[in-house]
Amino acid sequence: MSIPAAAGILYVVATPIGNLGDLSPRALDTLRAVAAICAEDTRHTRQLLSHYGVEQTLIALHEHNEAGMAERIVARLSAGESLALVSDAGTPLVSDPGFRLVAAARAAGIKVSPIPGPSALIAALSVAGLPSDRFAFEGFLPAKAGARRERFAELASEPRTLLFYESSHRIEDALADAVAVIGAGRPAAIARELTKLFETVLSGTLGELHARVVADADQRKGEFVLLIQGVGDDADARLVEGRRVYAKLIEHLPPSTAAKLAAEITGAPRKGLYGSDPG
């Protein structure tokens, strides 16, 4: 589709994830210049703008109304207005609303331009000390234990570093499930409250991190990025896959039979499979 001659631009603007000093001058100039700002939470964005003395028209755009609002916003862009899209914190669309609007704008031939800046997942990856040449972001983990363990099982043999967002009231359980499914010895890190006053980055094995979080209530407060190193050499990969298969087989077979079959199927050592029952 050709771009309307007088169309505006949709700017996707990254905002601070904690420290207000992280808003770039270009982002601030853009927020001042556009006709209106599409915001996930208008109250939150209003506070951010007030800090910089910016008065702007705000349009509520969140997961509950995005499907219906996208067409109206695209109409304003097509009519020549330039608009900005922000989330509550960080880069829009990364575990935040905005995908439908960006897709609709691009389908209508509207220019969509990024104003890059803070991102919790990239910030965490940069300081975690885990392999960063290849990584996979999985967003928020499922809230229910069964679904969360199933997700971990699907990813246990992934060679890339894994990144997840997690909340304060589930971080302890998420680590416990990661230990049970992936193994206590896998290297990992937790980045908590990044760029904020109580920023903490812990690294160690999954087992060590779980024990640290259980022992220290302060490490269960705030917003978290959980990073888990990918599976290592072929032997590690076989053991992870063997434990995954064993966990399925033990639902229907005695442990010894399940371990024997899982070892034959995956090439994992049979002894390494015992004790991995998630029971």
Protein backbone atom coordinates (compact mmCIF):
# COMPACT_ATOMS: atom_id res chain seq x y z
CA MET A 1 0.00 0.00 0.00
CA SER A 2 1.35 3.45 -0.87
CA ILE A 3 1.98 5.93 1.94
CA PRO A 4 -0.63 8.71 2.13
CA ALA A 5 0.98 11.96 0.94
CA ALA A 6 0.23 13.88 4.13
CA ALA A 7 0.49 11.01 6.58
CA GLY A 8 2.05 11.46 9.96
CA ILE A 9 4.58 9.21 11.67
CA LEU A 10 4.05 6.78 14.54
CA TYR A 11 7.03 7.03 16.88
CA VAL A 12 7.64 4.03 19.15
CA VAL A 13 9.36 5.63 22.14
CA ALA A 14 11.30 3.82 24.87
CA THR A 15 10.92 5.31 28.35
CA PRO A 16 12.82 4.71 31.63
CA ILE A 17 12.49 1.38 33.44
CA GLY A 18 13.23 3.06 36.77
CA ASN A 19 15.76 5.86 36.64
CA LEU A 20 14.13 8.94 35.10
CA GLY A 21 17.52 10.14 33.93
CA ASP A 22 17.50 7.42 31.28
CA LEU A 23 14.99 9.20 29.03
CA SER A 24 16.99 10.31 26.00
CA PRO A 25 16.92 13.91 24.73
CA ARG A 26 15.56 12.66 21.41
CA ALA A 27 12.76 10.79 23.15
CA LEU A 28 11.86 13.88 25.17
CA ASP A 29 11.86 16.07 22.04
CA THR A 30 9.61 13.57 20.28
CA LEU A 31 7.13 13.41 23.16
CA ARG A 32 6.91 17.19 23.15
CA ALA A 33 6.48 17.46 19.37
CA VAL A 34 3.80 14.88 18.55
CA ALA A 35 0.09 15.63 18.45
CA ALA A 36 -0.68 13.05 21.15
CA ILE A 37 0.84 10.12 23.00
CA CYS A 38 -0.67 6.63 23.06
CA ALA A 39 0.00 5.33 26.57
CA GLU A 40 -0.53 1.99 28.29
CA ASP A 41 -1.47 3.75 31.55
CA THR A 42 -2.23 7.44 31.12
CA ARG A 43 -1.78 8.17 34.84
CA HIS A 44 1.68 6.65 34.85
CA THR A 45 2.72 8.47 31.68
CA ARG A 46 1.29 11.73 33.00
CA GLN A 47 3.62 11.47 36.00
CA LEU A 48 6.59 10.89 33.70
CA LEU A 49 5.71 13.87 31.53
CA SER A 50 5.14 16.08 34.58
CA HIS A 51 8.66 15.32 35.76
CA TYR A 52 9.94 16.93 32.56
CA GLY A 53 7.38 19.71 32.48
CA VAL A 54 5.68 18.33 29.37
CA GLU A 55 1.96 18.83 28.78
CA GLN A 56 0.52 16.49 26.18
CA THR A 57 -2.72 14.90 25.07
CA LEU A 58 -2.78 11.25 26.10
CA ILE A 59 -4.68 8.39 24.44
CA ALA A 60 -5.25 5.25 26.51
CA LEU A 61 -4.01 2.22 24.58
CA HIS A 62 -3.82 -1.05 26.49
CA GLU A 63 -4.44 -4.75 25.99
CA HIS A 64 -8.18 -4.39 26.61
CA ASN A 65 -8.87 -1.70 24.01
CA GLU A 66 -6.03 -1.90 21.49
CA ALA A 67 -7.93 -3.94 18.93
CA GLY A 68 -10.69 -1.33 18.79
CA MET A 69 -8.48 1.75 19.11
CA ALA A 70 -5.94 0.84 16.44
CA GLU A 71 -8.22 1.79 13.54
CA ARG A 72 -9.04 5.18 15.06
CA ILE A 73 -5.39 5.96 15.74
CA VAL A 74 -4.36 4.94 12.23
CA ALA A 75 -7.04 7.28 10.88
CA ARG A 76 -5.42 10.17 12.77
CA LEU A 77 -2.01 9.20 11.42
CA SER A 78 -3.38 8.99 7.89
CA ALA A 79 -4.86 12.46 8.31
CA GLY A 80 -1.40 13.88 8.95
CA GLU A 81 -0.95 13.75 12.73
CA SER A 82 2.27 12.33 14.14
CA LEU A 83 1.77 10.31 17.33
CA ALA A 84 3.96 8.57 19.89
CA LEU A 85 3.49 5.15 21.46
CA VAL A 86 4.86 4.47 24.95
CA SER A 87 4.45 1.73 27.52
CA ASP A 88 4.60 2.05 31.30
CA ALA A 89 8.35 1.38 31.24
CA GLY A 90 10.97 0.37 28.72
CA THR A 91 10.48 -0.36 25.04
CA PRO A 92 6.88 -0.74 23.82
CA LEU A 93 5.72 -4.10 22.41
CA VAL A 94 8.25 -6.05 24.53
CA SER A 95 5.76 -7.86 26.77
CA ASP A 96 3.63 -4.74 26.46
CA PRO A 97 0.76 -3.57 24.20
CA GLY A 98 1.34 -2.00 20.80
CA PHE A 99 1.71 -4.87 18.35
CA ARG A 100 -1.76 -4.46 16.86
CA LEU A 101 -1.32 -0.71 16.42
CA VAL A 102 2.11 -1.02 14.80
CA ALA A 103 0.87 -3.77 12.48
CA ALA A 104 -2.20 -1.73 11.50
CA ALA A 105 -0.12 1.39 10.88
CA ARG A 106 2.35 -0.45 8.68
CA ALA A 107 -0.48 -2.14 6.79
CA ALA A 108 -1.91 1.33 6.11
CA GLY A 109 1.40 2.55 4.75
CA ILE A 110 2.21 4.71 7.76
CA LYS A 111 5.86 5.19 8.68
CA VAL A 112 6.69 3.66 12.06
CA SER A 113 9.93 4.99 13.54
CA PRO A 114 11.72 3.73 16.68
CA ILE A 115 13.11 6.06 19.32
CA PRO A 116 15.30 3.48 21.08
CA GLY A 117 16.23 3.46 24.73
CA PRO A 118 15.79 1.45 27.93
CA SER A 119 14.86 -2.24 27.83
CA ALA A 120 14.92 -4.41 30.95
CA LEU A 121 15.80 -7.58 29.09
CA ILE A 122 18.78 -6.07 27.26
CA ALA A 123 19.96 -4.28 30.40
CA ALA A 124 19.82 -7.58 32.31
CA LEU A 125 21.63 -9.49 29.59
CA SER A 126 24.41 -6.90 29.53
CA VAL A 127 25.29 -7.39 33.22
CA ALA A 128 24.42 -11.04 33.90
CA GLY A 129 27.71 -12.57 32.84
CA LEU A 130 25.97 -15.26 30.78
CA PRO A 131 26.52 -15.95 27.06
CA SER A 132 24.94 -13.09 25.14
CA ASP A 133 25.80 -13.87 21.52
CA ARG A 134 22.57 -15.85 21.16
CA PHE A 135 19.55 -15.55 23.42
CA ALA A 136 15.79 -16.15 23.47
CA PHE A 137 13.29 -13.91 25.27
CA GLU A 138 10.22 -15.77 26.53
CA GLY A 139 8.30 -12.92 28.17
CA PHE A 140 6.41 -13.70 31.36
CA LEU A 141 6.27 -17.28 32.60
CA PRO A 142 2.83 -18.89 33.06
CA ALA A 143 1.24 -18.11 36.42
CA LYS A 144 0.23 -21.71 37.20
CA ALA A 145 2.85 -24.21 38.32
CA GLY A 146 1.88 -26.95 35.89
CA ALA A 147 2.04 -24.70 32.85
CA ARG A 148 5.24 -23.11 34.11
CA ARG A 149 6.96 -26.49 34.47
CA GLU A 150 5.76 -27.48 31.04
CA ARG A 151 7.28 -24.30 29.60
CA PHE A 152 10.59 -25.03 31.30
CA ALA A 153 10.51 -28.59 29.97
CA GLU A 154 10.00 -27.31 26.43
CA LEU A 155 13.02 -25.01 26.80
CA ALA A 156 15.34 -27.20 28.87
CA SER A 157 17.41 -28.31 25.87
CA GLU A 158 17.57 -24.83 24.31
CA PRO A 159 21.24 -23.90 23.62
CA ARG A 160 20.64 -20.14 23.79
CA THR A 161 20.53 -18.09 26.99
CA LEU A 162 16.91 -17.83 28.12
CA LEU A 163 15.35 -14.64 29.50
CA PHE A 164 12.04 -14.33 31.34
CA TYR A 165 10.17 -11.56 33.12
CA GLU A 166 8.81 -12.52 36.53
CA SER A 167 6.93 -10.85 39.36
CA SER A 168 7.79 -10.62 43.04
CA HIS A 169 5.04 -13.00 44.16
CA ARG A 170 6.11 -15.77 41.77
CA ILE A 171 9.92 -15.55 41.59
CA GLU A 172 10.48 -18.10 44.37
CA ASP A 173 8.12 -20.64 42.81
CA ALA A 174 9.53 -20.01 39.34
CA LEU A 175 13.05 -20.76 40.56
CA ALA A 176 11.85 -23.89 42.35
CA ASP A 177 10.24 -25.13 39.15
CA ALA A 178 13.36 -24.31 37.12
CA VAL A 179 15.46 -26.32 39.57
CA ALA A 180 13.06 -29.27 39.36
CA VAL A 181 12.82 -29.31 35.57
CA ILE A 182 16.11 -27.92 34.26
CA GLY A 183 18.36 -28.89 37.14
CA ALA A 184 19.93 -27.22 40.17
CA GLY A 185 23.34 -26.93 38.54
CA ARG A 186 22.46 -24.82 35.50
CA PRO A 187 24.15 -21.36 35.57
CA ALA A 188 21.65 -18.50 35.87
CA ALA A 189 21.16 -14.94 37.05
CA ILE A 190 18.43 -12.76 38.53
CA ALA A 191 18.33 -9.05 37.74
CA ARG A 192 16.05 -7.22 40.20
CA GLU A 193 14.85 -3.62 40.17
CA LEU A 194 17.24 -2.59 37.40
CA THR A 195 18.24 1.11 37.41
CA LYS A 196 16.33 1.63 40.69
CA LEU A 197 17.59 2.29 44.22
CA PHE A 198 17.63 -1.37 45.29
CA GLU A 199 19.03 -2.81 42.05
CA THR A 200 20.49 -6.28 42.57
CA VAL A 201 22.04 -8.73 40.11
CA LEU A 202 22.66 -12.21 41.51
CA SER A 203 24.43 -14.99 39.63
CA GLY A 204 25.13 -18.61 40.38
CA THR A 205 23.43 -21.92 39.73
CA LEU A 206 19.65 -22.22 39.75
CA GLY A 207 19.88 -24.11 43.02
CA GLU A 208 22.01 -21.40 44.62
CA LEU A 209 19.73 -18.62 43.41
CA HIS A 210 16.64 -20.40 44.71
CA ALA A 211 18.26 -20.83 48.12
CA ARG A 212 19.26 -17.14 48.18
CA VAL A 213 15.75 -15.97 47.34
CA VAL A 214 14.19 -18.29 49.92
CA ALA A 215 16.57 -17.04 52.62
CA ASP A 216 16.31 -13.31 51.92
CA ALA A 217 12.87 -11.69 51.74
CA ASP A 218 14.38 -8.58 50.13
CA GLN A 219 15.30 -10.70 47.11
CA ARG A 220 11.62 -11.45 46.59
CA LYS A 221 10.67 -7.77 46.16
CA GLY A 222 10.44 -5.80 42.96
CA GLU A 223 10.50 -6.63 39.27
CA PHE A 224 12.71 -9.41 37.95
CA VAL A 225 14.47 -10.63 34.85
CA LEU A 226 15.38 -14.30 35.18
CA LEU A 227 18.22 -15.47 32.93
CA ILE A 228 19.16 -19.13 32.45
CA GLN A 229 22.19 -20.25 30.49
CA GLY A 230 21.47 -22.54 27.57
CA VAL A 231 22.32 -26.20 27.64
CA GLY A 232 26.03 -26.88 27.19
CA ASP A 233 27.76 -29.74 25.42
CA ASP A 234 26.15 -32.81 23.89
CA ALA A 235 26.30 -34.74 27.17
CA ASP A 236 24.41 -31.97 28.96
CA ALA A 237 21.84 -31.83 26.18
CA ARG A 238 21.28 -35.59 26.33
CA LEU A 239 20.82 -35.46 30.10
CA VAL A 240 18.29 -32.64 29.86
CA GLU A 241 16.35 -34.45 27.16
CA GLY A 242 16.58 -37.69 29.12
CA ARG A 243 15.07 -36.06 32.18
CA ARG A 244 12.29 -34.59 30.07
CA VAL A 245 11.42 -37.98 28.61
CA TYR A 246 11.78 -39.67 32.01
CA ALA A 247 9.32 -37.21 33.55
CA LYS A 248 6.75 -38.19 30.92
CA LEU A 249 7.33 -41.93 31.19
CA ILE A 250 7.23 -42.08 34.98
CA GLU A 251 3.61 -40.98 34.86
CA HIS A 252 2.80 -44.41 33.45
CA LEU A 253 5.74 -46.69 34.30
CA PRO A 254 7.78 -47.74 37.34
CA PRO A 255 10.87 -45.54 37.88
CA SER A 256 13.36 -48.23 36.85
CA THR A 257 11.52 -48.97 33.61
CA ALA A 258 11.01 -45.29 32.85
CA ALA A 259 14.72 -44.58 33.41
CA LYS A 260 15.79 -47.52 31.24
CA LEU A 261 13.58 -46.45 28.35
CA ALA A 262 14.47 -42.75 28.64
CA ALA A 263 18.16 -43.64 28.59
CA GLU A 264 17.72 -45.82 25.51
CA ILE A 265 15.70 -43.16 23.69
CA THR A 266 17.95 -40.18 24.46
CA GLY A 267 21.38 -41.61 25.19
CA ALA A 268 21.39 -40.04 28.66
CA PRO A 269 23.04 -41.95 31.53
CA ARG A 270 20.40 -43.91 33.43
CA LYS A 271 21.80 -42.92 36.83
CA GLY A 272 21.43 -39.26 35.98
CA LEU A 273 17.70 -39.68 35.49
CA TYR A 274 16.87 -40.96 38.95
CA GLY A 275 15.88 -38.20 41.33
CA SER A 276 14.65 -35.99 38.51
CA ASP A 277 11.03 -36.98 39.09
CA PRO A 278 9.16 -33.65 39.42
CA GLY A 279 6.59 -35.41 41.68
